[in-house]
Amino acid sequence: MRPELLILGFDTSAAHCAAALLSGDRVLAARHEDMGRGQAERLIPLLDEVLAEGGAGWSDLSRIGVGIGPGNFTGIRISVSAARGLALGLGLPAVGVSLLDALALGTAGPRLTCLAAPRGQVYVAGHDTAATIPAQALPLEAVPRDWAEPGLVCIGSGADAVAAQLGATPADPALPDAVAIARLAALAPTDRPPAPLYLRAADAAPSRETGPRMLA
């Protein structure tokens, strides 16, 4: 009998630090800690704690799954860099998982995954919807009304606002983020390292009026 994959999934793409350890479909341990800052310092200790709670060590892992966004730019870089470093050090594959895909897992029917974004925007993606809705960032007021359809459910931190605009039903995710990330990572190909998913430009940018200052 083929042994079940032992997957460690984690995410720091928003104001949290989350991790889960799965053996096949079984959740051995899961943690979610809300925090506005400090994810870089908390992530590895949290992963150690999740592994210990699940009765496993780093050498037992089969694969790593990591949330690649969309979300906070710094948070995404923290988790993606950690996943790539751990994969290299442990000799394991690391798989990047979109949070918009993770939110949809475990819910049937037409659904729009929605994450609140800065400056009145939302990140959205359609799943089993009549219209093809690729992952994108757009202002809330620009969400097309023709995305509405019977039975449409909106899931995620931006769900209430988008659902109100489309006459859809807001719903909570069926699974915690890190659990969904680990489950999707178990099914994904492992031929490319995880990379950040940025759907909008960074808020900070160099001034267009003056060039960069050159230091001797």
N, C-alpha and C. Protein backbone atom coordinates (compact mmCIF):
# COMPACT_ATOMS: atom_id res chain seq x y z
N MET A 1 0.84 -1.19 0.00
CA MET A 1 0.00 0.00 0.00
C MET A 1 0.89 1.25 0.00
N ARG A 2 0.51 2.24 -0.84
CA ARG A 2 1.30 3.46 -0.93
C ARG A 2 1.16 4.27 0.36
N PRO A 3 2.27 4.68 0.98
CA PRO A 3 2.17 5.48 2.21
C PRO A 3 1.56 6.85 1.91
N GLU A 4 0.82 7.39 2.87
CA GLU A 4 0.23 8.70 2.69
C GLU A 4 1.29 9.78 2.78
N LEU A 5 1.13 10.81 1.95
CA LEU A 5 2.05 11.94 1.99
C LEU A 5 1.87 12.70 3.29
N LEU A 6 2.97 13.11 3.88
CA LEU A 6 2.94 13.96 5.06
C LEU A 6 3.27 15.38 4.58
N ILE A 7 2.27 16.25 4.64
CA ILE A 7 2.38 17.59 4.06
C ILE A 7 2.33 18.64 5.16
N LEU A 8 3.28 19.56 5.13
CA LEU A 8 3.26 20.72 6.01
C LEU A 8 2.87 21.93 5.17
N GLY A 9 1.72 22.54 5.51
CA GLY A 9 1.27 23.73 4.79
C GLY A 9 1.29 24.94 5.70
N PHE A 10 1.64 26.10 5.14
CA PHE A 10 1.66 27.30 5.97
C PHE A 10 1.43 28.55 5.14
N ASP A 11 1.10 29.64 5.86
CA ASP A 11 0.75 30.88 5.17
C ASP A 11 0.96 32.08 6.08
N THR A 12 1.53 33.15 5.52
CA THR A 12 1.66 34.43 6.24
C THR A 12 1.27 35.58 5.32
N SER A 13 0.33 35.35 4.42
CA SER A 13 0.01 36.35 3.41
C SER A 13 -0.88 37.48 3.91
N ALA A 14 -1.42 37.34 5.13
CA ALA A 14 -2.25 38.39 5.72
C ALA A 14 -1.78 38.60 7.16
N ALA A 15 -2.63 39.19 7.98
CA ALA A 15 -2.25 39.49 9.36
C ALA A 15 -2.39 38.26 10.25
N HIS A 16 -1.68 37.22 9.87
CA HIS A 16 -1.73 35.97 10.62
C HIS A 16 -0.49 35.13 10.32
N CYS A 17 -0.33 34.10 11.11
CA CYS A 17 0.68 33.08 10.87
C CYS A 17 -0.05 31.75 11.07
N ALA A 18 -0.16 30.96 10.02
CA ALA A 18 -0.98 29.75 10.07
C ALA A 18 -0.20 28.56 9.52
N ALA A 19 -0.45 27.39 10.09
CA ALA A 19 0.23 26.17 9.64
C ALA A 19 -0.64 24.96 9.93
N ALA A 20 -0.46 23.92 9.14
CA ALA A 20 -1.18 22.67 9.35
C ALA A 20 -0.32 21.51 8.86
N LEU A 21 -0.46 20.40 9.54
CA LEU A 21 0.25 19.17 9.17
C LEU A 21 -0.80 18.13 8.82
N LEU A 22 -0.70 17.57 7.61
CA LEU A 22 -1.66 16.59 7.14
C LEU A 22 -0.97 15.30 6.76
N SER A 23 -1.60 14.20 7.10
CA SER A 23 -1.19 12.88 6.61
C SER A 23 -2.32 12.39 5.72
N GLY A 24 -2.12 12.46 4.42
CA GLY A 24 -3.24 12.21 3.51
C GLY A 24 -4.28 13.30 3.72
N ASP A 25 -5.53 12.91 4.01
CA ASP A 25 -6.59 13.87 4.29
C ASP A 25 -6.75 14.16 5.78
N ARG A 26 -6.01 13.46 6.62
CA ARG A 26 -6.14 13.62 8.06
C ARG A 26 -5.33 14.82 8.55
N VAL A 27 -5.98 15.68 9.31
CA VAL A 27 -5.30 16.82 9.90
C VAL A 27 -4.69 16.38 11.22
N LEU A 28 -3.38 16.34 11.28
CA LEU A 28 -2.69 15.93 12.50
C LEU A 28 -2.53 17.09 13.48
N ALA A 29 -2.37 18.28 12.96
CA ALA A 29 -2.23 19.46 13.81
C ALA A 29 -2.47 20.70 12.95
N ALA A 30 -3.00 21.75 13.57
CA ALA A 30 -3.25 23.00 12.85
C ALA A 30 -3.23 24.15 13.84
N ARG A 31 -2.64 25.25 13.42
CA ARG A 31 -2.58 26.46 14.23
C ARG A 31 -2.88 27.68 13.36
N HIS A 32 -3.51 28.67 13.97
CA HIS A 32 -3.74 29.96 13.30
C HIS A 32 -3.59 31.03 14.36
N GLU A 33 -2.64 31.92 14.18
CA GLU A 33 -2.40 33.00 15.13
C GLU A 33 -2.53 34.34 14.41
N ASP A 34 -3.46 35.17 14.86
CA ASP A 34 -3.60 36.50 14.29
C ASP A 34 -2.46 37.38 14.78
N MET A 35 -1.85 38.11 13.87
CA MET A 35 -0.78 39.04 14.24
C MET A 35 -0.56 40.03 13.11
N GLY A 36 -0.40 41.29 13.49
CA GLY A 36 -0.18 42.33 12.49
C GLY A 36 1.27 42.41 12.05
N ARG A 37 2.18 41.93 12.89
CA ARG A 37 3.60 41.93 12.55
C ARG A 37 4.27 40.80 13.33
N GLY A 38 5.51 40.52 12.94
CA GLY A 38 6.25 39.49 13.65
C GLY A 38 6.18 38.11 13.04
N GLN A 39 5.57 38.00 11.83
CA GLN A 39 5.46 36.68 11.20
C GLN A 39 6.83 36.06 10.91
N ALA A 40 7.81 36.89 10.54
CA ALA A 40 9.13 36.36 10.20
C ALA A 40 9.76 35.67 11.39
N GLU A 41 9.57 36.23 12.58
CA GLU A 41 10.16 35.64 13.78
C GLU A 41 9.33 34.46 14.29
N ARG A 42 8.03 34.48 14.05
CA ARG A 42 7.15 33.46 14.62
C ARG A 42 7.01 32.22 13.74
N LEU A 43 7.24 32.33 12.43
CA LEU A 43 6.90 31.24 11.52
C LEU A 43 7.62 29.93 11.85
N ILE A 44 8.93 29.91 11.91
CA ILE A 44 9.65 28.65 12.13
C ILE A 44 9.33 28.04 13.50
N PRO A 45 9.29 28.82 14.59
CA PRO A 45 8.86 28.21 15.85
C PRO A 45 7.45 27.63 15.77
N LEU A 46 6.55 28.29 15.06
CA LEU A 46 5.20 27.76 14.90
C LEU A 46 5.22 26.43 14.14
N LEU A 47 6.03 26.35 13.10
CA LEU A 47 6.13 25.10 12.34
C LEU A 47 6.70 23.99 13.21
N ASP A 48 7.69 24.31 14.04
CA ASP A 48 8.23 23.32 14.97
C ASP A 48 7.13 22.80 15.91
N GLU A 49 6.30 23.71 16.40
CA GLU A 49 5.24 23.33 17.33
C GLU A 49 4.19 22.45 16.64
N VAL A 50 3.84 22.79 15.40
CA VAL A 50 2.85 21.99 14.66
C VAL A 50 3.40 20.59 14.39
N LEU A 51 4.65 20.50 14.00
CA LEU A 51 5.26 19.19 13.78
C LEU A 51 5.26 18.37 15.07
N ALA A 52 5.64 18.98 16.17
CA ALA A 52 5.68 18.26 17.44
C ALA A 52 4.29 17.80 17.85
N GLU A 53 3.30 18.67 17.67
CA GLU A 53 1.92 18.31 18.01
C GLU A 53 1.42 17.14 17.16
N GLY A 54 1.88 17.10 15.91
CA GLY A 54 1.46 16.02 15.02
C GLY A 54 2.32 14.78 15.14
N GLY A 55 3.30 14.79 16.05
CA GLY A 55 4.14 13.61 16.25
C GLY A 55 5.10 13.34 15.11
N ALA A 56 5.58 14.40 14.48
CA ALA A 56 6.47 14.24 13.32
C ALA A 56 7.67 15.15 13.47
N GLY A 57 8.68 14.89 12.66
CA GLY A 57 9.87 15.73 12.60
C GLY A 57 10.07 16.21 11.17
N TRP A 58 11.01 17.11 11.00
CA TRP A 58 11.26 17.66 9.66
C TRP A 58 11.62 16.55 8.67
N SER A 59 12.36 15.56 9.11
CA SER A 59 12.81 14.50 8.20
C SER A 59 11.67 13.58 7.77
N ASP A 60 10.51 13.67 8.44
CA ASP A 60 9.37 12.82 8.08
C ASP A 60 8.54 13.40 6.94
N LEU A 61 8.75 14.66 6.62
CA LEU A 61 7.89 15.33 5.65
C LEU A 61 8.09 14.79 4.24
N SER A 62 6.98 14.77 3.48
CA SER A 62 7.02 14.39 2.08
C SER A 62 7.04 15.60 1.16
N ARG A 63 6.42 16.69 1.62
CA ARG A 63 6.23 17.85 0.76
C ARG A 63 5.87 19.05 1.61
N ILE A 64 6.14 20.24 1.10
CA ILE A 64 5.78 21.50 1.75
C ILE A 64 4.82 22.25 0.84
N GLY A 65 3.75 22.78 1.43
CA GLY A 65 2.82 23.63 0.69
C GLY A 65 2.83 25.02 1.31
N VAL A 66 2.82 26.05 0.48
CA VAL A 66 2.89 27.41 1.00
C VAL A 66 1.91 28.32 0.25
N GLY A 67 1.26 29.20 1.01
CA GLY A 67 0.40 30.19 0.39
C GLY A 67 1.23 31.25 -0.31
N ILE A 68 0.94 31.50 -1.58
CA ILE A 68 1.72 32.45 -2.37
C ILE A 68 0.99 33.77 -2.60
N GLY A 69 -0.15 33.95 -1.96
CA GLY A 69 -0.92 35.17 -2.13
C GLY A 69 -2.15 34.91 -2.99
N PRO A 70 -2.83 35.97 -3.36
CA PRO A 70 -2.49 37.38 -3.15
C PRO A 70 -2.68 37.81 -1.71
N GLY A 71 -2.05 38.92 -1.36
CA GLY A 71 -2.14 39.42 0.00
C GLY A 71 -1.06 40.43 0.27
N ASN A 72 -0.62 40.48 1.51
CA ASN A 72 0.42 41.41 1.94
C ASN A 72 1.76 41.04 1.30
N PHE A 73 2.39 41.99 0.63
CA PHE A 73 3.62 41.70 -0.11
C PHE A 73 4.71 41.14 0.79
N THR A 74 4.92 41.80 1.94
CA THR A 74 5.98 41.34 2.84
C THR A 74 5.66 39.96 3.40
N GLY A 75 4.41 39.75 3.79
CA GLY A 75 4.01 38.45 4.32
C GLY A 75 4.21 37.33 3.32
N ILE A 76 3.86 37.59 2.08
CA ILE A 76 4.04 36.58 1.04
C ILE A 76 5.51 36.23 0.87
N ARG A 77 6.36 37.25 0.86
CA ARG A 77 7.80 37.00 0.70
C ARG A 77 8.34 36.17 1.85
N ILE A 78 7.85 36.42 3.07
CA ILE A 78 8.31 35.68 4.23
C ILE A 78 8.04 34.19 4.06
N SER A 79 6.80 33.83 3.74
CA SER A 79 6.45 32.41 3.67
C SER A 79 7.05 31.73 2.45
N VAL A 80 7.08 32.42 1.31
CA VAL A 80 7.64 31.81 0.10
C VAL A 80 9.15 31.59 0.27
N SER A 81 9.84 32.56 0.84
CA SER A 81 11.28 32.40 1.08
C SER A 81 11.54 31.25 2.05
N ALA A 82 10.72 31.16 3.10
CA ALA A 82 10.89 30.07 4.06
C ALA A 82 10.66 28.72 3.39
N ALA A 83 9.64 28.62 2.57
CA ALA A 83 9.33 27.34 1.90
C ALA A 83 10.46 26.92 0.97
N ARG A 84 10.99 27.88 0.23
CA ARG A 84 12.07 27.54 -0.69
C ARG A 84 13.34 27.14 0.06
N GLY A 85 13.62 27.84 1.16
CA GLY A 85 14.79 27.49 1.95
C GLY A 85 14.65 26.13 2.61
N LEU A 86 13.48 25.85 3.17
CA LEU A 86 13.25 24.54 3.80
C LEU A 86 13.33 23.42 2.77
N ALA A 87 12.74 23.65 1.61
CA ALA A 87 12.76 22.62 0.57
C ALA A 87 14.19 22.31 0.15
N LEU A 88 15.00 23.34 0.01
CA LEU A 88 16.39 23.14 -0.38
C LEU A 88 17.16 22.40 0.71
N GLY A 89 16.95 22.82 1.95
CA GLY A 89 17.69 22.20 3.05
C GLY A 89 17.27 20.76 3.34
N LEU A 90 16.00 20.47 3.13
CA LEU A 90 15.48 19.13 3.44
C LEU A 90 15.47 18.20 2.22
N GLY A 91 15.69 18.76 1.04
CA GLY A 91 15.63 17.95 -0.17
C GLY A 91 14.22 17.51 -0.51
N LEU A 92 13.25 18.39 -0.27
CA LEU A 92 11.84 18.08 -0.51
C LEU A 92 11.26 19.04 -1.55
N PRO A 93 10.20 18.63 -2.23
CA PRO A 93 9.52 19.59 -3.10
C PRO A 93 8.69 20.57 -2.29
N ALA A 94 8.63 21.81 -2.74
CA ALA A 94 7.74 22.82 -2.17
C ALA A 94 6.78 23.26 -3.26
N VAL A 95 5.52 23.41 -2.89
CA VAL A 95 4.47 23.73 -3.85
C VAL A 95 3.77 25.01 -3.42
N GLY A 96 3.63 25.96 -4.33
CA GLY A 96 2.91 27.19 -4.05
C GLY A 96 1.43 27.03 -4.35
N VAL A 97 0.59 27.58 -3.49
CA VAL A 97 -0.86 27.47 -3.63
C VAL A 97 -1.48 28.86 -3.52
N SER A 98 -2.30 29.21 -4.48
CA SER A 98 -3.02 30.48 -4.43
C SER A 98 -4.06 30.46 -3.32
N LEU A 99 -4.12 31.55 -2.56
CA LEU A 99 -5.14 31.65 -1.51
C LEU A 99 -6.53 31.68 -2.11
N LEU A 100 -6.67 32.19 -3.32
CA LEU A 100 -7.98 32.22 -3.97
C LEU A 100 -8.45 30.81 -4.33
N ASP A 101 -7.52 29.91 -4.61
CA ASP A 101 -7.88 28.51 -4.83
C ASP A 101 -8.15 27.80 -3.50
N ALA A 102 -7.35 28.11 -2.49
CA ALA A 102 -7.53 27.47 -1.19
C ALA A 102 -8.89 27.80 -0.60
N LEU A 103 -9.35 29.03 -0.76
CA LEU A 103 -10.65 29.42 -0.22
C LEU A 103 -11.80 28.64 -0.83
N ALA A 104 -11.63 28.22 -2.07
CA ALA A 104 -12.72 27.53 -2.78
C ALA A 104 -12.83 26.06 -2.41
N LEU A 105 -11.78 25.49 -1.84
CA LEU A 105 -11.75 24.06 -1.58
C LEU A 105 -12.81 23.66 -0.54
N GLY A 106 -13.54 22.61 -0.86
CA GLY A 106 -14.53 22.08 0.07
C GLY A 106 -15.93 22.65 -0.10
N THR A 107 -16.10 23.59 -1.02
CA THR A 107 -17.41 24.18 -1.29
C THR A 107 -17.80 23.90 -2.73
N ALA A 108 -19.04 23.47 -2.96
CA ALA A 108 -19.49 23.12 -4.30
C ALA A 108 -20.29 24.26 -4.92
N GLY A 109 -20.51 24.15 -6.23
CA GLY A 109 -21.33 25.12 -6.93
C GLY A 109 -20.53 26.33 -7.37
N PRO A 110 -21.20 27.28 -8.04
CA PRO A 110 -20.50 28.49 -8.49
C PRO A 110 -20.09 29.34 -7.29
N ARG A 111 -18.82 29.70 -7.24
CA ARG A 111 -18.34 30.50 -6.13
C ARG A 111 -17.27 31.48 -6.60
N LEU A 112 -17.27 32.59 -5.94
CA LEU A 112 -16.31 33.65 -6.22
C LEU A 112 -15.49 33.85 -4.95
N THR A 113 -14.20 33.55 -5.02
CA THR A 113 -13.35 33.77 -3.86
C THR A 113 -12.89 35.23 -3.88
N CYS A 114 -12.98 35.87 -2.72
CA CYS A 114 -12.78 37.31 -2.64
C CYS A 114 -11.92 37.65 -1.43
N LEU A 115 -10.84 38.35 -1.64
CA LEU A 115 -9.98 38.80 -0.56
C LEU A 115 -9.92 40.32 -0.58
N ALA A 116 -10.12 40.93 0.57
CA ALA A 116 -10.02 42.39 0.65
C ALA A 116 -8.59 42.82 0.34
N ALA A 117 -8.46 43.88 -0.43
CA ALA A 117 -7.15 44.42 -0.82
C ALA A 117 -7.11 45.90 -0.46
N PRO A 118 -5.91 46.48 -0.38
CA PRO A 118 -5.81 47.91 -0.02
C PRO A 118 -6.47 48.82 -1.05
N ARG A 119 -6.74 50.04 -0.62
CA ARG A 119 -7.25 51.10 -1.48
C ARG A 119 -8.59 50.75 -2.14
N GLY A 120 -9.45 50.09 -1.39
CA GLY A 120 -10.80 49.81 -1.88
C GLY A 120 -10.87 48.76 -2.97
N GLN A 121 -9.83 47.95 -3.10
CA GLN A 121 -9.83 46.91 -4.11
C GLN A 121 -10.14 45.55 -3.51
N VAL A 122 -10.40 44.59 -4.38
CA VAL A 122 -10.57 43.20 -3.96
C VAL A 122 -9.82 42.30 -4.93
N TYR A 123 -9.30 41.20 -4.39
CA TYR A 123 -8.75 40.13 -5.21
C TYR A 123 -9.88 39.13 -5.41
N VAL A 124 -10.11 38.71 -6.64
CA VAL A 124 -11.21 37.78 -6.90
C VAL A 124 -10.79 36.71 -7.91
N ALA A 125 -11.48 35.58 -7.84
CA ALA A 125 -11.33 34.53 -8.85
C ALA A 125 -12.61 33.69 -8.84
N GLY A 126 -13.00 33.23 -10.02
CA GLY A 126 -14.21 32.42 -10.12
C GLY A 126 -13.89 30.94 -10.14
N HIS A 127 -14.79 30.16 -9.57
CA HIS A 127 -14.65 28.71 -9.52
C HIS A 127 -16.00 28.10 -9.87
N ASP A 128 -16.03 27.32 -10.96
CA ASP A 128 -17.28 26.72 -11.45
C ASP A 128 -18.34 27.77 -11.74
N THR A 129 -17.91 28.94 -12.18
CA THR A 129 -18.85 30.01 -12.53
C THR A 129 -19.18 29.95 -14.02
N ALA A 130 -20.33 30.52 -14.37
CA ALA A 130 -20.75 30.52 -15.78
C ALA A 130 -19.75 31.30 -16.63
N ALA A 131 -19.30 32.42 -16.13
CA ALA A 131 -18.28 33.21 -16.82
C ALA A 131 -16.90 32.77 -16.33
N THR A 132 -15.92 32.83 -17.22
CA THR A 132 -14.55 32.56 -16.81
C THR A 132 -14.01 33.80 -16.12
N ILE A 133 -13.65 33.65 -14.84
CA ILE A 133 -13.19 34.79 -14.04
C ILE A 133 -11.80 34.46 -13.51
N PRO A 134 -10.76 34.87 -14.21
CA PRO A 134 -9.39 34.59 -13.74
C PRO A 134 -9.06 35.42 -12.51
N ALA A 135 -8.03 35.00 -11.79
CA ALA A 135 -7.58 35.75 -10.62
C ALA A 135 -7.17 37.16 -11.03
N GLN A 136 -7.67 38.15 -10.30
CA GLN A 136 -7.40 39.54 -10.65
C GLN A 136 -7.67 40.45 -9.46
N ALA A 137 -7.13 41.67 -9.53
CA ALA A 137 -7.41 42.71 -8.55
C ALA A 137 -8.17 43.81 -9.26
N LEU A 138 -9.23 44.30 -8.62
CA LEU A 138 -9.99 45.39 -9.21
C LEU A 138 -10.72 46.15 -8.11
N PRO A 139 -11.08 47.42 -8.37
CA PRO A 139 -11.84 48.17 -7.38
C PRO A 139 -13.18 47.51 -7.13
N LEU A 140 -13.64 47.59 -5.89
CA LEU A 140 -14.91 46.95 -5.54
C LEU A 140 -16.04 47.41 -6.45
N GLU A 141 -16.08 48.71 -6.72
CA GLU A 141 -17.18 49.23 -7.53
C GLU A 141 -17.09 48.79 -8.99
N ALA A 142 -15.94 48.24 -9.39
CA ALA A 142 -15.76 47.80 -10.78
C ALA A 142 -16.08 46.32 -10.96
N VAL A 143 -16.49 45.63 -9.90
CA VAL A 143 -16.87 44.22 -10.04
C VAL A 143 -18.05 44.13 -10.99
N PRO A 144 -17.92 43.42 -12.12
CA PRO A 144 -18.98 43.40 -13.13
C PRO A 144 -20.28 42.80 -12.60
N ARG A 145 -21.38 43.47 -12.82
CA ARG A 145 -22.68 42.97 -12.37
C ARG A 145 -23.08 41.69 -13.10
N ASP A 146 -22.52 41.48 -14.30
CA ASP A 146 -22.90 40.28 -15.04
C ASP A 146 -22.20 39.02 -14.52
N TRP A 147 -21.38 39.17 -13.46
CA TRP A 147 -20.85 37.98 -12.79
C TRP A 147 -21.92 37.29 -11.95
N ALA A 148 -22.99 38.00 -11.66
CA ALA A 148 -24.05 37.43 -10.84
C ALA A 148 -24.70 36.25 -11.57
N GLU A 149 -25.01 35.21 -10.81
CA GLU A 149 -25.71 34.05 -11.36
C GLU A 149 -26.42 33.32 -10.22
N PRO A 150 -27.41 32.50 -10.53
CA PRO A 150 -28.15 31.78 -9.49
C PRO A 150 -27.22 30.89 -8.66
N GLY A 151 -27.38 30.95 -7.35
CA GLY A 151 -26.61 30.09 -6.47
C GLY A 151 -25.19 30.53 -6.21
N LEU A 152 -24.79 31.73 -6.69
CA LEU A 152 -23.42 32.17 -6.51
C LEU A 152 -23.11 32.43 -5.04
N VAL A 153 -21.99 31.90 -4.59
CA VAL A 153 -21.51 32.09 -3.22
C VAL A 153 -20.19 32.85 -3.26
N CYS A 154 -20.01 33.81 -2.36
CA CYS A 154 -18.76 34.56 -2.25
C CYS A 154 -18.08 34.15 -0.95
N ILE A 155 -16.78 33.85 -1.04
CA ILE A 155 -16.03 33.33 0.10
C ILE A 155 -14.77 34.15 0.30
N GLY A 156 -14.47 34.50 1.54
CA GLY A 156 -13.23 35.19 1.84
C GLY A 156 -13.45 36.51 2.55
N SER A 157 -12.36 37.20 2.86
CA SER A 157 -12.44 38.43 3.65
C SER A 157 -13.16 39.56 2.92
N GLY A 158 -13.25 39.48 1.60
CA GLY A 158 -13.98 40.49 0.84
C GLY A 158 -15.35 40.03 0.40
N ALA A 159 -15.82 38.90 0.95
CA ALA A 159 -17.05 38.27 0.47
C ALA A 159 -18.29 39.12 0.71
N ASP A 160 -18.41 39.71 1.89
CA ASP A 160 -19.63 40.46 2.20
C ASP A 160 -19.85 41.61 1.21
N ALA A 161 -18.79 42.36 0.94
CA ALA A 161 -18.92 43.52 0.05
C ALA A 161 -19.23 43.09 -1.38
N VAL A 162 -18.55 42.06 -1.87
CA VAL A 162 -18.79 41.60 -3.24
C VAL A 162 -20.17 40.96 -3.36
N ALA A 163 -20.55 40.17 -2.37
CA ALA A 163 -21.86 39.52 -2.40
C ALA A 163 -22.98 40.56 -2.42
N ALA A 164 -22.84 41.63 -1.65
CA ALA A 164 -23.86 42.67 -1.62
C ALA A 164 -24.00 43.34 -2.98
N GLN A 165 -22.88 43.48 -3.68
CA GLN A 165 -22.92 44.12 -4.99
C GLN A 165 -23.54 43.22 -6.05
N LEU A 166 -23.37 41.90 -5.90
CA LEU A 166 -23.85 40.96 -6.92
C LEU A 166 -25.16 40.27 -6.54
N GLY A 167 -25.65 40.53 -5.34
CA GLY A 167 -26.84 39.82 -4.89
C GLY A 167 -26.56 38.35 -4.64
N ALA A 168 -25.32 38.03 -4.25
CA ALA A 168 -24.91 36.66 -4.00
C ALA A 168 -24.94 36.40 -2.49
N THR A 169 -24.55 35.18 -2.11
CA THR A 169 -24.56 34.78 -0.71
C THR A 169 -23.14 34.71 -0.17
N PRO A 170 -22.82 35.45 0.89
CA PRO A 170 -21.48 35.33 1.49
C PRO A 170 -21.40 34.06 2.33
N ALA A 171 -20.22 33.47 2.38
CA ALA A 171 -20.04 32.24 3.15
C ALA A 171 -18.63 32.18 3.69
N ASP A 172 -18.47 31.46 4.80
CA ASP A 172 -17.14 31.22 5.35
C ASP A 172 -16.44 30.11 4.57
N PRO A 173 -15.12 30.10 4.55
CA PRO A 173 -14.41 28.99 3.90
C PRO A 173 -14.74 27.67 4.58
N ALA A 174 -14.75 26.60 3.80
CA ALA A 174 -15.04 25.28 4.36
C ALA A 174 -13.88 24.76 5.18
N LEU A 175 -12.67 25.21 4.86
CA LEU A 175 -11.46 24.70 5.52
C LEU A 175 -10.57 25.86 5.95
N PRO A 176 -9.82 25.69 7.04
CA PRO A 176 -8.81 26.70 7.39
C PRO A 176 -7.80 26.84 6.26
N ASP A 177 -7.24 28.05 6.11
CA ASP A 177 -6.32 28.32 5.00
C ASP A 177 -5.19 27.29 4.91
N ALA A 178 -4.50 27.06 6.02
CA ALA A 178 -3.32 26.19 5.97
C ALA A 178 -3.70 24.75 5.64
N VAL A 179 -4.85 24.30 6.10
CA VAL A 179 -5.31 22.95 5.78
C VAL A 179 -5.60 22.83 4.28
N ALA A 180 -6.29 23.83 3.74
CA ALA A 180 -6.59 23.82 2.31
C ALA A 180 -5.31 23.89 1.48
N ILE A 181 -4.34 24.69 1.93
CA ILE A 181 -3.07 24.79 1.21
C ILE A 181 -2.38 23.44 1.18
N ALA A 182 -2.34 22.75 2.31
CA ALA A 182 -1.68 21.44 2.36
C ALA A 182 -2.39 20.43 1.46
N ARG A 183 -3.71 20.45 1.46
CA ARG A 183 -4.45 19.50 0.62
C ARG A 183 -4.23 19.75 -0.87
N LEU A 184 -4.22 21.01 -1.25
CA LEU A 184 -3.98 21.32 -2.66
C LEU A 184 -2.54 21.04 -3.04
N ALA A 185 -1.61 21.25 -2.11
CA ALA A 185 -0.21 20.97 -2.39
C ALA A 185 0.02 19.48 -2.64
N ALA A 186 -0.77 18.64 -1.99
CA ALA A 186 -0.63 17.20 -2.18
C ALA A 186 -0.99 16.77 -3.59
N LEU A 187 -1.82 17.57 -4.26
CA LEU A 187 -2.32 17.21 -5.60
C LEU A 187 -1.57 17.92 -6.73
N ALA A 188 -0.77 18.91 -6.38
CA ALA A 188 -0.16 19.76 -7.40
C ALA A 188 1.15 19.18 -7.91
N PRO A 189 1.53 19.52 -9.14
CA PRO A 189 2.85 19.11 -9.65
C PRO A 189 3.96 19.79 -8.87
N THR A 190 5.11 19.18 -8.85
CA THR A 190 6.23 19.70 -8.05
C THR A 190 7.41 20.12 -8.91
N ASP A 191 7.14 20.49 -10.16
CA ASP A 191 8.24 20.77 -11.09
C ASP A 191 8.67 22.23 -11.09
N ARG A 192 8.07 23.07 -10.24
CA ARG A 192 8.51 24.46 -10.19
C ARG A 192 8.44 24.96 -8.75
N PRO A 193 9.44 25.75 -8.33
CA PRO A 193 9.44 26.25 -6.96
C PRO A 193 8.33 27.29 -6.77
N PRO A 194 7.85 27.48 -5.54
CA PRO A 194 6.81 28.48 -5.31
C PRO A 194 7.31 29.89 -5.59
N ALA A 195 6.43 30.71 -6.11
CA ALA A 195 6.76 32.11 -6.41
C ALA A 195 5.59 32.98 -5.97
N PRO A 196 5.84 34.19 -5.50
CA PRO A 196 4.76 35.06 -5.04
C PRO A 196 3.74 35.34 -6.15
N LEU A 197 2.47 35.40 -5.75
CA LEU A 197 1.39 35.77 -6.66
C LEU A 197 0.97 37.20 -6.32
N TYR A 198 1.46 38.15 -7.11
CA TYR A 198 1.11 39.55 -6.92
C TYR A 198 0.11 39.95 -8.02
N LEU A 199 -1.05 40.41 -7.62
CA LEU A 199 -2.07 40.78 -8.60
C LEU A 199 -2.22 42.29 -8.75
N ARG A 200 -1.44 43.04 -7.99
CA ARG A 200 -1.47 44.49 -8.12
C ARG A 200 -0.05 45.02 -7.89
N ALA A 201 0.16 46.26 -8.30
CA ALA A 201 1.47 46.88 -8.12
C ALA A 201 1.68 47.23 -6.66
N ALA A 202 2.95 47.28 -6.26
CA ALA A 202 3.28 47.67 -4.90
C ALA A 202 2.86 49.12 -4.65
N ASP A 203 2.49 49.43 -3.38
CA ASP A 203 2.10 50.80 -3.05
C ASP A 203 3.29 51.75 -3.12
N ALA A 204 4.47 51.28 -2.71
CA ALA A 204 5.65 52.13 -2.72
C ALA A 204 6.36 52.03 -4.06
N ALA A 205 6.80 53.15 -4.57
CA ALA A 205 7.52 53.18 -5.86
C ALA A 205 8.50 54.33 -5.85
N PRO A 206 9.61 54.21 -6.61
CA PRO A 206 10.57 55.32 -6.68
C PRO A 206 9.94 56.57 -7.27
N SER A 207 10.39 57.72 -6.85
CA SER A 207 9.88 58.97 -7.39
C SER A 207 10.18 59.06 -8.88
N ARG A 208 9.20 59.58 -9.64
CA ARG A 208 9.41 59.77 -11.07
C ARG A 208 10.09 61.11 -11.37
N GLU A 209 10.18 61.97 -10.36
CA GLU A 209 10.73 63.31 -10.60
C GLU A 209 12.24 63.33 -10.47
N THR A 210 12.80 62.51 -9.60
CA THR A 210 14.24 62.51 -9.42
C THR A 210 14.75 61.08 -9.55
N GLY A 211 15.90 60.92 -10.14
CA GLY A 211 16.50 59.61 -10.29
C GLY A 211 17.09 59.12 -9.00
N PRO A 212 17.49 57.86 -8.94
CA PRO A 212 18.10 57.32 -7.73
C PRO A 212 19.43 58.01 -7.43
N ARG A 213 19.70 58.19 -6.16
CA ARG A 213 20.95 58.84 -5.76
C ARG A 213 22.07 57.80 -5.77
N MET A 214 23.15 58.13 -6.44
CA MET A 214 24.30 57.24 -6.56
C MET A 214 25.27 57.52 -5.41
N LEU A 215 25.65 56.48 -4.69
CA LEU A 215 26.57 56.62 -3.57
C LEU A 215 27.97 56.22 -4.02
N ALA A 216 28.95 57.05 -3.72
CA ALA A 216 30.33 56.74 -4.10
C ALA A 216 30.89 55.65 -3.21
